[in-house]
PDB file of N, CA and C in Angstrom:
ATOM      1  N   UNK A   1     -25.641-165.766-201.986  1.00  0.00           N
ATOM      2  CA  UNK A   1     -26.731-166.626-202.275  1.00  0.00           C
ATOM      3  C   UNK A   1     -27.078-165.861-204.152  1.00  0.00           C
ATOM      4  N   UNK A   2     -27.134-167.800-205.025  1.00  0.00           N
ATOM      5  CA  UNK A   2     -26.691-167.628-205.733  1.00  0.00           C
ATOM      6  C   UNK A   2     -28.304-167.899-206.628  1.00  0.00           C
ATOM      7  N   UNK A   3     -29.832-167.426-205.941  1.00  0.00           N
ATOM      8  CA  UNK A   3     -30.303-167.121-206.901  1.00  0.00           C
ATOM      9  C   UNK A   3     -31.258-166.319-207.171  1.00  0.00           C
ATOM     10  N   UNK A   4     -31.744-166.168-208.385  1.00  0.00           N
ATOM     11  CA  UNK A   4     -32.600-165.111-208.977  1.00  0.00           C
ATOM     12  C   UNK A   4     -33.572-165.762-210.238  1.00  0.00           C
ATOM     13  N   UNK A   5     -34.826-164.588-209.668  1.00  0.00           N
ATOM     14  CA  UNK A   5     -35.807-164.659-210.470  1.00  0.00           C
ATOM     15  C   UNK A   5     -36.419-164.005-211.781  1.00  0.00           C
ATOM     16  N   UNK A   6     -36.141-164.031-212.989  1.00  0.00           N
ATOM     17  CA  UNK A   6     -36.037-163.552-214.015  1.00  0.00           C
ATOM     18  C   UNK A   6     -37.872-163.329-214.117  1.00  0.00           C
ATOM     19  N   UNK A   7     -38.820-161.926-214.016  1.00  0.00           N
ATOM     20  CA  UNK A   7     -39.925-161.619-214.168  1.00  0.00           C
ATOM     21  C   UNK A   7     -40.438-160.952-215.438  1.00  0.00           C
ATOM     22  N   UNK A   8     -40.904-161.914-216.362  1.00  0.00           N
ATOM     23  CA  UNK A   8     -41.665-160.781-217.888  1.00  0.00           C
ATOM     24  C   UNK A   8     -43.189-161.624-217.789  1.00  0.00           C
ATOM     25  N   UNK A   9     -43.643-160.145-218.037  1.00  0.00           N
ATOM     26  CA  UNK A   9     -44.898-159.530-217.732  1.00  0.00           C
ATOM     27  C   UNK A   9     -45.622-159.409-219.741  1.00  0.00           C
ATOM     28  N   UNK A  10     -46.821-159.637-220.049  1.00  0.00           N
ATOM     29  CA  UNK A  10     -46.788-159.576-221.096  1.00  0.00           C
ATOM     30  C   UNK A  10     -48.502-159.870-221.405  1.00  0.00           C
ATOM     31  N   UNK A  11     -48.918-159.177-222.232  1.00  0.00           N
ATOM     32  CA  UNK A  11     -49.836-159.750-223.110  1.00  0.00           C
ATOM     33  C   UNK A  11     -49.671-159.887-224.641  1.00  0.00           C
ATOM     34  N   UNK A  12     -51.165-160.562-225.509  1.00  0.00           N
ATOM     35  CA  UNK A  12     -50.827-160.807-226.486  1.00  0.00           C
ATOM     36  C   UNK A  12     -51.392-159.798-227.225  1.00  0.00           C
ATOM     37  N   UNK A  13     -51.087-160.295-228.620  1.00  0.00           N
ATOM     38  CA  UNK A  13     -51.962-158.973-229.816  1.00  0.00           C
ATOM     39  C   UNK A  13     -53.487-159.103-229.588  1.00  0.00           C
ATOM     40  N   UNK A  14     -54.159-158.388-229.873  1.00  0.00           N
ATOM     41  CA  UNK A  14     -55.741-158.628-229.532  1.00  0.00           C
ATOM     42  C   UNK A  14     -56.064-159.177-230.911  1.00  0.00           C
ATOM     43  N   UNK A  15     -56.654-160.017-230.050  1.00  0.00           N
ATOM     44  CA  UNK A  15     -57.083-161.627-231.008  1.00  0.00           C
ATOM     45  C   UNK A  15     -56.626-162.574-231.417  1.00  0.00           C
ATOM     46  N   UNK A  16     -55.208-162.424-230.819  1.00  0.00           N
ATOM     47  CA  UNK A  16     -55.101-163.366-231.096  1.00  0.00           C
ATOM     48  C   UNK A  16     -54.042-164.397-230.021  1.00  0.00           C
ATOM     49  N   UNK A  17     -54.296-164.427-228.741  1.00  0.00           N
ATOM     50  CA  UNK A  17     -54.226-164.589-227.132  1.00  0.00           C
ATOM     51  C   UNK A  17     -53.932-166.495-227.444  1.00  0.00           C
ATOM     52  N   UNK A  18     -54.855-166.350-228.298  1.00  0.00           N
ATOM     53  CA  UNK A  18     -54.543-168.502-228.089  1.00  0.00           C
ATOM     54  C   UNK A  18     -53.366-168.903-228.750  1.00  0.00           C
ATOM     55  N   UNK A  19     -53.029-168.562-230.222  1.00  0.00           N
ATOM     56  CA  UNK A  19     -51.411-168.503-230.995  1.00  0.00           C
ATOM     57  C   UNK A  19     -50.691-168.089-229.767  1.00  0.00           C
ATOM     58  N   UNK A  20     -50.596-166.466-228.547  1.00  0.00           N
ATOM     59  CA  UNK A  20     -49.685-166.125-228.313  1.00  0.00           C
ATOM     60  C   UNK A  20     -49.600-167.348-226.971  1.00  0.00           C
ATOM     61  N   UNK A  21     -50.329-167.877-225.983  1.00  0.00           N
ATOM     62  CA  UNK A  21     -49.782-168.920-225.373  1.00  0.00           C
ATOM     63  C   UNK A  21     -49.622-170.348-225.549  1.00  0.00           C
ATOM     64  N   UNK A  22     -49.928-170.861-227.721  1.00  0.00           N
ATOM     65  CA  UNK A  22     -49.536-171.949-228.140  1.00  0.00           C
ATOM     66  C   UNK A  22     -47.942-172.132-228.405  1.00  0.00           C
ATOM     67  N   UNK A  23     -47.700-170.325-228.302  1.00  0.00           N
ATOM     68  CA  UNK A  23     -46.076-170.728-229.292  1.00  0.00           C
ATOM     69  C   UNK A  23     -45.637-169.589-227.169  1.00  0.00           C
ATOM     70  N   UNK A  24     -45.511-169.706-226.466  1.00  0.00           N
ATOM     71  CA  UNK A  24     -45.081-168.804-225.454  1.00  0.00           C
ATOM     72  C   UNK A  24     -45.088-170.514-224.198  1.00  0.00           C
ATOM     73  N   UNK A  25     -46.001-171.367-224.813  1.00  0.00           N
ATOM     74  CA  UNK A  25     -45.452-172.797-223.134  1.00  0.00           C
ATOM     75  C   UNK A  25     -44.854-173.557-224.347  1.00  0.00           C
ATOM     76  N   UNK A  26     -45.368-173.735-225.815  1.00  0.00           N
ATOM     77  CA  UNK A  26     -45.250-175.268-226.432  1.00  0.00           C
ATOM     78  C   UNK A  26     -43.090-174.876-226.987  1.00  0.00           C
ATOM     79  N   UNK A  27     -43.164-173.328-227.314  1.00  0.00           N
ATOM     80  CA  UNK A  27     -42.238-173.246-227.699  1.00  0.00           C
ATOM     81  C   UNK A  27     -40.763-172.062-227.261  1.00  0.00           C
ATOM     82  N   UNK A  28     -41.678-170.574-226.934  1.00  0.00           N
ATOM     83  CA  UNK A  28     -40.600-169.837-226.402  1.00  0.00           C
ATOM     84  C   UNK A  28     -39.726-170.686-224.981  1.00  0.00           C
ATOM     85  N   UNK A  29     -40.674-171.179-224.318  1.00  0.00           N
ATOM     86  CA  UNK A  29     -40.241-171.805-222.832  1.00  0.00           C
ATOM     87  C   UNK A  29     -39.646-172.781-223.324  1.00  0.00           C
ATOM     88  N   UNK A  30     -39.452-173.252-224.185  1.00  0.00           N
ATOM     89  CA  UNK A  30     -38.393-174.897-223.760  1.00  0.00           C
ATOM     90  C   UNK A  30     -36.924-174.330-224.458  1.00  0.00           C
ATOM     91  N   UNK A  31     -37.056-173.386-225.547  1.00  0.00           N
ATOM     92  CA  UNK A  31     -36.171-172.743-225.773  1.00  0.00           C
ATOM     93  C   UNK A  31     -35.358-171.846-225.012  1.00  0.00           C
ATOM     94  N   UNK A  32     -35.970-170.636-223.876  1.00  0.00           N
ATOM     95  CA  UNK A  32     -34.986-170.287-222.881  1.00  0.00           C
ATOM     96  C   UNK A  32     -34.870-171.210-221.781  1.00  0.00           C
ATOM     97  N   UNK A  33     -35.468-171.899-221.772  1.00  0.00           N
ATOM     98  CA  UNK A  33     -35.177-173.063-220.742  1.00  0.00           C
ATOM     99  C   UNK A  33     -33.698-173.955-221.094  1.00  0.00           C
ATOM    100  N   UNK A  34     -33.562-174.031-222.784  1.00  0.00           N
ATOM    101  CA  UNK A  34     -31.779-174.061-222.992  1.00  0.00           C
ATOM    102  C   UNK A  34     -30.509-173.879-223.101  1.00  0.00           C
ATOM    103  N   UNK A  35     -30.751-172.315-222.716  1.00  0.00           N
ATOM    104  CA  UNK A  35     -29.411-171.423-221.902  1.00  0.00           C
ATOM    105  C   UNK A  35     -29.358-171.740-220.240  1.00  0.00           C
ATOM    106  N   UNK A  36     -28.351-171.272-220.632  1.00  0.00           N
ATOM    107  CA  UNK A  36     -27.346-171.960-219.692  1.00  0.00           C
ATOM    108  C   UNK A  36     -27.563-171.218-218.062  1.00  0.00           C
ATOM    109  N   UNK A  37     -27.859-171.695-217.415  1.00  0.00           N
ATOM    110  CA  UNK A  37     -27.929-170.947-215.793  1.00  0.00           C
ATOM    111  C   UNK A  37     -29.747-170.030-215.402  1.00  0.00           C
ATOM    112  N   UNK A  38     -30.792-170.643-217.073  1.00  0.00           N
ATOM    113  CA  UNK A  38     -31.840-170.802-216.747  1.00  0.00           C
ATOM    114  C   UNK A  38     -32.442-172.088-215.910  1.00  0.00           C
ATOM    115  N   UNK A  39     -33.120-172.837-215.088  1.00  0.00           N
ATOM    116  CA  UNK A  39     -32.873-173.618-214.233  1.00  0.00           C
ATOM    117  C   UNK A  39     -34.618-174.059-214.846  1.00  0.00           C
ATOM    118  N   UNK A  40     -35.497-173.104-214.637  1.00  0.00           N
ATOM    119  CA  UNK A  40     -37.055-173.158-214.047  1.00  0.00           C
ATOM    120  C   UNK A  40     -38.274-172.241-214.793  1.00  0.00           C
ATOM    121  N   UNK A  41     -38.751-173.193-215.151  1.00  0.00           N
ATOM    122  CA  UNK A  41     -39.995-171.349-215.903  1.00  0.00           C
ATOM    123  C   UNK A  41     -41.236-172.035-215.487  1.00  0.00           C
ATOM    124  N   UNK A  42     -42.079-170.935-215.219  1.00  0.00           N
ATOM    125  CA  UNK A  42     -43.646-171.048-215.293  1.00  0.00           C
ATOM    126  C   UNK A  42     -44.018-170.497-215.044  1.00  0.00           C
ATOM    127  N   UNK A  43     -46.053-169.740-216.002  1.00  0.00           N
ATOM    128  CA  UNK A  43     -46.707-169.135-216.273  1.00  0.00           C
ATOM    129  C   UNK A  43     -47.568-169.500-215.371  1.00  0.00           C
ATOM    130  N   UNK A  44     -47.606-167.711-215.502  1.00  0.00           N
ATOM    131  CA  UNK A  44     -49.471-166.827-214.807  1.00  0.00           C
ATOM    132  C   UNK A  44     -50.183-166.358-215.108  1.00  0.00           C
ATOM    133  N   UNK A  45     -51.527-166.681-214.715  1.00  0.00           N
ATOM    134  CA  UNK A  45     -52.539-165.388-215.981  1.00  0.00           C
ATOM    135  C   UNK A  45     -52.644-165.127-214.628  1.00  0.00           C
ATOM    136  N   UNK A  46     -52.943-163.250-214.665  1.00  0.00           N
ATOM    137  CA  UNK A  46     -54.037-162.973-213.763  1.00  0.00           C
ATOM    138  C   UNK A  46     -54.861-162.775-213.424  1.00  0.00           C
ATOM    139  N   UNK A  47     -55.164-163.347-212.232  1.00  0.00           N
ATOM    140  CA  UNK A  47     -56.475-163.470-211.446  1.00  0.00           C
ATOM    141  C   UNK A  47     -57.794-162.716-211.729  1.00  0.00           C
ATOM    142  N   UNK A  48     -58.272-163.082-211.493  1.00  0.00           N
ATOM    143  CA  UNK A  48     -60.109-162.140-212.288  1.00  0.00           C
ATOM    144  C   UNK A  48     -60.421-161.507-210.454  1.00  0.00           C
ATOM    145  N   UNK A  49     -59.181-160.741-209.800  1.00  0.00           N
ATOM    146  CA  UNK A  49     -60.419-160.290-208.661  1.00  0.00           C
ATOM    147  C   UNK A  49     -61.176-159.521-208.553  1.00  0.00           C
ATOM    148  N   UNK A  50     -62.479-159.919-207.220  1.00  0.00           N
ATOM    149  CA  UNK A  50     -63.634-158.276-207.081  1.00  0.00           C
ATOM    150  C   UNK A  50     -63.738-157.978-205.974  1.00  0.00           C
ATOM    151  N   UNK A  51     -61.914-157.312-205.301  1.00  0.00           N
ATOM    152  CA  UNK A  51     -62.459-156.967-204.593  1.00  0.00           C
ATOM    153  C   UNK A  51     -61.548-155.649-204.498  1.00  0.00           C
ATOM    154  N   UNK A  52     -61.779-154.751-203.566  1.00  0.00           N
ATOM    155  CA  UNK A  52     -61.451-153.089-203.898  1.00  0.00           C
ATOM    156  C   UNK A  52     -60.415-153.315-203.373  1.00  0.00           C
ATOM    157  N   UNK A  53     -59.057-151.920-203.922  1.00  0.00           N
ATOM    158  CA  UNK A  53     -57.666-151.818-204.255  1.00  0.00           C
ATOM    159  C   UNK A  53     -56.798-153.057-204.748  1.00  0.00           C
ATOM    160  N   UNK A  54     -57.664-153.658-205.594  1.00  0.00           N
ATOM    161  CA  UNK A  54     -56.931-154.908-206.516  1.00  0.00           C
ATOM    162  C   UNK A  54     -57.051-154.912-207.833  1.00  0.00           C
ATOM    163  N   UNK A  55     -56.883-153.823-208.464  1.00  0.00           N
ATOM    164  CA  UNK A  55     -57.363-153.391-209.663  1.00  0.00           C
ATOM    165  C   UNK A  55     -56.454-154.229-210.760  1.00  0.00           C
ATOM    166  N   UNK A  56     -57.627-154.438-211.729  1.00  0.00           N
ATOM    167  CA  UNK A  56     -56.119-155.867-213.134  1.00  0.00           C
ATOM    168  C   UNK A  56     -55.176-155.537-213.842  1.00  0.00           C
ATOM    169  N   UNK A  57     -54.413-155.663-213.139  1.00  0.00           N
ATOM    170  CA  UNK A  57     -52.596-155.229-213.140  1.00  0.00           C
ATOM    171  C   UNK A  57     -52.664-155.614-215.227  1.00  0.00           C
ATOM    172  N   UNK A  58     -52.021-154.126-215.790  1.00  0.00           N
ATOM    173  CA  UNK A  58     -51.261-153.950-216.818  1.00  0.00           C
ATOM    174  C   UNK A  58     -51.459-154.721-217.475  1.00  0.00           C
ATOM    175  N   UNK A  59     -50.722-156.742-217.625  1.00  0.00           N
ATOM    176  CA  UNK A  59     -50.351-156.599-218.213  1.00  0.00           C
ATOM    177  C   UNK A  59     -51.287-158.612-217.886  1.00  0.00           C
ATOM    178  N   UNK A  60     -51.609-159.264-218.081  1.00  0.00           N
ATOM    179  CA  UNK A  60     -51.951-160.706-218.527  1.00  0.00           C
ATOM    180  C   UNK A  60     -51.458-161.482-217.832  1.00  0.00           C
ATOM    181  N   UNK A  61     -50.306-161.447-218.382  1.00  0.00           N
ATOM    182  CA  UNK A  61     -49.447-162.856-218.475  1.00  0.00           C
ATOM    183  C   UNK A  61     -47.645-162.508-217.685  1.00  0.00           C
ATOM    184  N   UNK A  62     -47.487-163.350-216.905  1.00  0.00           N
ATOM    185  CA  UNK A  62     -45.944-163.729-216.698  1.00  0.00           C
ATOM    186  C   UNK A  62     -45.815-164.939-216.573  1.00  0.00           C
ATOM    187  N   UNK A  63     -44.514-164.802-216.734  1.00  0.00           N
ATOM    188  CA  UNK A  63     -43.967-165.846-216.968  1.00  0.00           C
ATOM    189  C   UNK A  63     -42.654-165.302-215.495  1.00  0.00           C
ATOM    190  N   UNK A  64     -42.198-166.537-214.706  1.00  0.00           N
ATOM    191  CA  UNK A  64     -41.499-166.415-213.864  1.00  0.00           C
ATOM    192  C   UNK A  64     -40.196-167.334-214.053  1.00  0.00           C
ATOM    193  N   UNK A  65     -38.598-167.308-214.298  1.00  0.00           N
ATOM    194  CA  UNK A  65     -38.355-167.736-214.487  1.00  0.00           C
ATOM    195  C   UNK A  65     -37.066-168.571-213.468  1.00  0.00           C
ATOM    196  N   UNK A  66     -36.693-169.076-212.866  1.00  0.00           N
ATOM    197  CA  UNK A  66     -35.756-169.487-212.119  1.00  0.00           C
ATOM    198  C   UNK A  66     -34.290-169.137-212.761  1.00  0.00           C
ATOM    199  N   UNK A  67     -33.425-168.471-212.503  1.00  0.00           N
ATOM    200  CA  UNK A  67     -31.684-168.609-213.057  1.00  0.00           C
ATOM    201  C   UNK A  67     -30.366-169.176-211.445  1.00  0.00           C
ATOM    202  N   UNK A  68     -29.701-169.352-212.094  1.00  0.00           N
ATOM    203  CA  UNK A  68     -28.753-170.126-211.357  1.00  0.00           C
ATOM    204  C   UNK A  68     -27.393-169.451-211.587  1.00  0.00           C
ATOM    205  N   UNK A  69     -26.660-169.134-211.214  1.00  0.00           N
ATOM    206  CA  UNK A  69     -25.375-168.004-211.256  1.00  0.00           C
ATOM    207  C   UNK A  69     -25.682-166.528-211.696  1.00  0.00           C
ATOM    208  N   UNK A  70     -24.639-165.598-212.233  1.00  0.00           N
ATOM    209  CA  UNK A  70     -24.125-164.220-212.545  1.00  0.00           C
ATOM    210  C   UNK A  70     -25.871-164.372-213.237  1.00  0.00           C
ATOM    211  N   UNK A  71     -27.185-163.320-213.385  1.00  0.00           N
ATOM    212  CA  UNK A  71     -27.113-163.482-213.951  1.00  0.00           C
ATOM    213  C   UNK A  71     -27.908-162.375-214.827  1.00  0.00           C
ATOM    214  N   UNK A  72     -26.486-161.643-215.150  1.00  0.00           N
ATOM    215  CA  UNK A  72     -26.043-160.319-216.426  1.00  0.00           C
ATOM    216  C   UNK A  72     -24.651-161.360-217.305  1.00  0.00           C
ATOM    217  N   UNK A  73     -24.521-162.857-216.761  1.00  0.00           N
ATOM    218  CA  UNK A  73     -23.997-163.662-218.108  1.00  0.00           C
ATOM    219  C   UNK A  73     -25.397-164.540-218.434  1.00  0.00           C
ATOM    220  N   UNK A  74     -26.224-164.715-217.576  1.00  0.00           N
ATOM    221  CA  UNK A  74     -27.387-165.768-218.133  1.00  0.00           C
ATOM    222  C   UNK A  74     -28.347-165.035-219.138  1.00  0.00           C
ATOM    223  N   UNK A  75     -28.605-163.260-218.448  1.00  0.00           N
ATOM    224  CA  UNK A  75     -29.743-162.718-219.657  1.00  0.00           C
ATOM    225  C   UNK A  75     -28.203-162.337-221.041  1.00  0.00           C
ATOM    226  N   UNK A  76     -27.359-162.096-220.765  1.00  0.00           N
ATOM    227  CA  UNK A  76     -26.087-161.943-221.621  1.00  0.00           C
ATOM    228  C   UNK A  76     -26.032-163.831-222.905  1.00  0.00           C
ATOM    229  N   UNK A  77     -26.182-164.330-221.776  1.00  0.00           N
ATOM    230  CA  UNK A  77     -26.257-165.658-223.016  1.00  0.00           C
ATOM    231  C   UNK A  77     -28.030-165.925-224.073  1.00  0.00           C
ATOM    232  N   UNK A  78     -28.631-165.710-222.872  1.00  0.00           N
ATOM    233  CA  UNK A  78     -30.405-165.837-223.454  1.00  0.00           C
ATOM    234  C   UNK A  78     -30.546-164.445-224.871  1.00  0.00           C
ATOM    235  N   UNK A  79     -29.649-163.391-224.872  1.00  0.00           N
ATOM    236  CA  UNK A  79     -29.987-162.184-225.862  1.00  0.00           C
ATOM    237  C   UNK A  79     -29.361-162.703-227.328  1.00  0.00           C
ATOM    238  N   UNK A  80     -27.932-163.159-226.199  1.00  0.00           N
ATOM    239  CA  UNK A  80     -27.336-163.969-227.629  1.00  0.00           C
ATOM    240  C   UNK A  80     -28.063-164.545-228.211  1.00  0.00           C
ATOM    241  N   UNK A  81     -28.974-165.842-227.895  1.00  0.00           N
ATOM    242  CA  UNK A  81     -29.681-167.266-228.658  1.00  0.00           C
ATOM    243  C   UNK A  81     -31.156-166.368-228.858  1.00  0.00           C
ATOM    244  N   UNK A  82     -30.828-165.519-228.731  1.00  0.00           N
ATOM    245  CA  UNK A  82     -32.105-164.901-229.063  1.00  0.00           C
ATOM    246  C   UNK A  82     -31.795-163.826-230.659  1.00  0.00           C
ATOM    247  N   UNK A  83     -30.612-163.417-230.886  1.00  0.00           N
ATOM    248  CA  UNK A  83     -29.565-162.939-231.789  1.00  0.00           C
ATOM    249  C   UNK A  83     -29.522-163.807-233.519  1.00  0.00           C
ATOM    250  N   UNK A  84     -29.140-165.655-232.769  1.00  0.00           N
ATOM    251  CA  UNK A  84     -28.912-166.165-233.608  1.00  0.00           C
ATOM    252  C   UNK A  84     -30.342-166.963-234.179  1.00  0.00           C
ATOM    253  N   UNK A  85     -31.593-166.353-233.636  1.00  0.00           N
ATOM    254  CA  UNK A  85     -32.784-167.083-234.164  1.00  0.00           C
ATOM    255  C   UNK A  85     -32.493-168.022-232.978  1.00  0.00           C
ATOM    256  N   UNK A  86     -31.956-168.979-231.771  1.00  0.00           N
ATOM    257  CA  UNK A  86     -32.371-169.497-230.960  1.00  0.00           C
ATOM    258  C   UNK A  86     -33.320-169.972-230.312  1.00  0.00           C
ATOM    259  N   UNK A  87     -34.040-168.779-229.939  1.00  0.00           N
ATOM    260  CA  UNK A  87     -35.262-167.624-229.444  1.00  0.00           C
ATOM    261  C   UNK A  87     -35.710-167.322-230.285  1.00  0.00           C
ATOM    262  N   UNK A  88     -37.100-167.892-229.964  1.00  0.00           N
ATOM    263  CA  UNK A  88     -37.473-166.796-231.296  1.00  0.00           C
ATOM    264  C   UNK A  88     -38.326-166.671-230.165  1.00  0.00           C
ATOM    265  N   UNK A  89     -39.029-165.059-230.920  1.00  0.00           N
ATOM    266  CA  UNK A  89     -40.120-163.856-230.902  1.00  0.00           C
ATOM    267  C   UNK A  89     -41.334-164.131-231.420  1.00  0.00           C
ATOM    268  N   UNK A  90     -41.791-164.446-230.597  1.00  0.00           N
ATOM    269  CA  UNK A  90     -44.289-164.713-230.902  1.00  0.00           C
ATOM    270  C   UNK A  90     -44.491-163.375-231.598  1.00  0.00           C
ATOM    271  N   UNK A  91     -44.514-164.241-233.017  1.00  0.00           N
ATOM    272  CA  UNK A  91     -45.579-163.062-233.690  1.00  0.00           C
ATOM    273  C   UNK A  91     -47.044-162.464-233.363  1.00  0.00           C
ATOM    274  N   UNK A  92     -47.201-163.248-232.709  1.00  0.00           N
ATOM    275  CA  UNK A  92     -48.866-162.731-231.298  1.00  0.00           C
ATOM    276  C   UNK A  92     -48.368-162.088-230.226  1.00  0.00           C
ATOM    277  N   UNK A  93     -47.065-161.350-229.965  1.00  0.00           N
ATOM    278  CA  UNK A  93     -46.968-161.054-228.730  1.00  0.00           C
ATOM    279  C   UNK A  93     -46.794-159.200-228.678  1.00  0.00           C
ATOM    280  N   UNK A  94     -48.002-158.672-228.119  1.00  0.00           N
ATOM    281  CA  UNK A  94     -47.727-157.254-228.255  1.00  0.00           C
ATOM    282  C   UNK A  94     -46.087-156.254-227.460  1.00  0.00           C
ATOM    283  N   UNK A  95     -45.343-155.970-228.270  1.00  0.00           N
ATOM    284  CA  UNK A  95     -44.155-156.122-227.808  1.00  0.00           C
ATOM    285  C   UNK A  95     -44.273-155.131-226.825  1.00  0.00           C
ATOM    286  N   UNK A  96     -45.155-153.954-227.003  1.00  0.00           N
ATOM    287  CA  UNK A  96     -44.598-153.210-226.353  1.00  0.00           C
ATOM    288  C   UNK A  96     -45.910-152.797-224.082  1.00  0.00           C
ATOM    289  N   UNK A  97     -46.405-154.572-224.207  1.00  0.00           N
ATOM    290  CA  UNK A  97     -46.744-154.928-223.637  1.00  0.00           C
ATOM    291  C   UNK A  97     -45.558-155.246-222.426  1.00  0.00           C
ATOM    292  N   UNK A  98     -44.306-155.780-223.182  1.00  0.00           N
ATOM    293  CA  UNK A  98     -43.165-156.729-222.664  1.00  0.00           C
ATOM    294  C   UNK A  98     -42.616-155.840-221.538  1.00  0.00           C
ATOM    295  N   UNK A  99     -42.751-156.427-220.436  1.00  0.00           N
ATOM    296  CA  UNK A  99     -41.508-155.279-218.953  1.00  0.00           C
ATOM    297  C   UNK A  99     -41.089-156.885-218.663  1.00  0.00           C
ATOM    298  N   UNK A 100     -39.541-156.752-218.119  1.00  0.00           N
ATOM    299  CA  UNK A 100     -38.422-157.740-217.878  1.00  0.00           C
ATOM    300  C   UNK A 100     -37.608-156.842-216.534  1.00  0.00           C
ATOM    301  N   UNK A 101     -38.061-158.236-215.662  1.00  0.00           N
ATOM    302  CA  UNK A 101     -37.001-157.512-214.446  1.00  0.00           C
ATOM    303  C   UNK A 101     -36.011-158.859-213.531  1.00  0.00           C
ATOM    304  N   UNK A 102     -35.233-158.367-212.595  1.00  0.00           N
ATOM    305  CA  UNK A 102     -34.752-159.894-212.565  1.00  0.00           C
ATOM    306  C   UNK A 102     -34.251-159.301-211.449  1.00  0.00           C
ATOM    307  N   UNK A 103     -34.840-160.747-210.380  1.00  0.00           N
ATOM    308  CA  UNK A 103     -34.844-160.662-208.615  1.00  0.00           C
ATOM    309  C   UNK A 103     -34.085-160.963-208.108  1.00  0.00           C
ATOM    310  N   UNK A 104     -32.413-160.693-207.094  1.00  0.00           N
ATOM    311  CA  UNK A 104     -32.222-161.584-206.871  1.00  0.00           C
ATOM    312  C   UNK A 104     -32.917-162.311-205.026  1.00  0.00           C
ATOM    313  N   UNK A 105     -32.304-162.691-204.698  1.00  0.00           N
ATOM    314  CA  UNK A 105     -32.894-164.043-203.142  1.00  0.00           C
ATOM    315  C   UNK A 105     -31.806-162.890-201.924  1.00  0.00           C
ATOM    316  N   UNK A 106     -32.837-161.996-200.952  1.00  0.00           N
ATOM    317  CA  UNK A 106     -32.171-162.152-200.339  1.00  0.00           C
ATOM    318  C   UNK A 106     -31.650-162.647-198.943  1.00  0.00           C
ATOM    319  N   UNK A 107     -33.280-164.339-199.114  1.00  0.00           N
ATOM    320  CA  UNK A 107     -33.233-165.162-197.542  1.00  0.00           C
ATOM    321  C   UNK A 107     -33.448-166.334-198.792  1.00  0.00           C
ATOM    322  N   UNK A 108     -32.965-167.091-197.541  1.00  0.00           N
ATOM    323  CA  UNK A 108     -33.101-168.463-198.340  1.00  0.00           C
ATOM    324  C   UNK A 108     -34.637-169.216-198.613  1.00  0.00           C
ATOM    325  N   UNK A 109     -35.220-170.453-199.162  1.00  0.00           N
ATOM    326  CA  UNK A 109     -36.475-170.301-199.904  1.00  0.00           C
ATOM    327  C   UNK A 109     -37.413-170.824-197.529  1.00  0.00           C
ATOM    328  N   UNK A 110     -38.074-170.186-197.672  1.00  0.00           N
ATOM    329  CA  UNK A 110     -39.202-170.089-196.446  1.00  0.00           C
ATOM    330  C   UNK A 110     -40.182-171.264-196.160  1.00  0.00           C
ATOM    331  N   UNK A 111     -40.502-171.657-196.249  1.00  0.00           N
ATOM    332  CA  UNK A 111     -41.657-172.770-195.938  1.00  0.00           C
ATOM    333  C   UNK A 111     -42.010-173.629-194.328  1.00  0.00           C
ATOM    334  N   UNK A 112     -43.069-173.331-194.303  1.00  0.00           N
ATOM    335  CA  UNK A 112     -43.608-173.570-192.561  1.00  0.00           C
ATOM    336  C   UNK A 112     -42.852-174.899-192.412  1.00  0.00           C
TER     337      UNK A 112
END
C-alpha cells in the first residue's frame, strides 16, 4: 500500500489564536499542498467532551495530511520547501507544542 497520513498537532501562542488559524488555513495548508506527494489536508479542533476518561488533549489543533509515495521523500521535499521559504512558519504557532507523526496504511479503506 502506498497510502500514508501525516498528523501534525499544534497550539497557537496565547492570545494569537485567530492569527494562527488564519495563517494555517489560508497560507500554510495551500503551501504544504504544493509539495509533491501531499494529496489532501484537513484540520481538526479538539472536541469538548464532558465524559470521564476523556481528558482534553495537550494540543488543541490537528492537521491531517494524506500522502502518496515514499513518505521519507515527501518529508524531505517538504523540508526543502521550508528551508527555501516556500512553506512559511507561522509566527503565532507555539513551536514547543508541535508534534508530528507519519503513519502508513495497513489496510484498504473500510466503509459500511
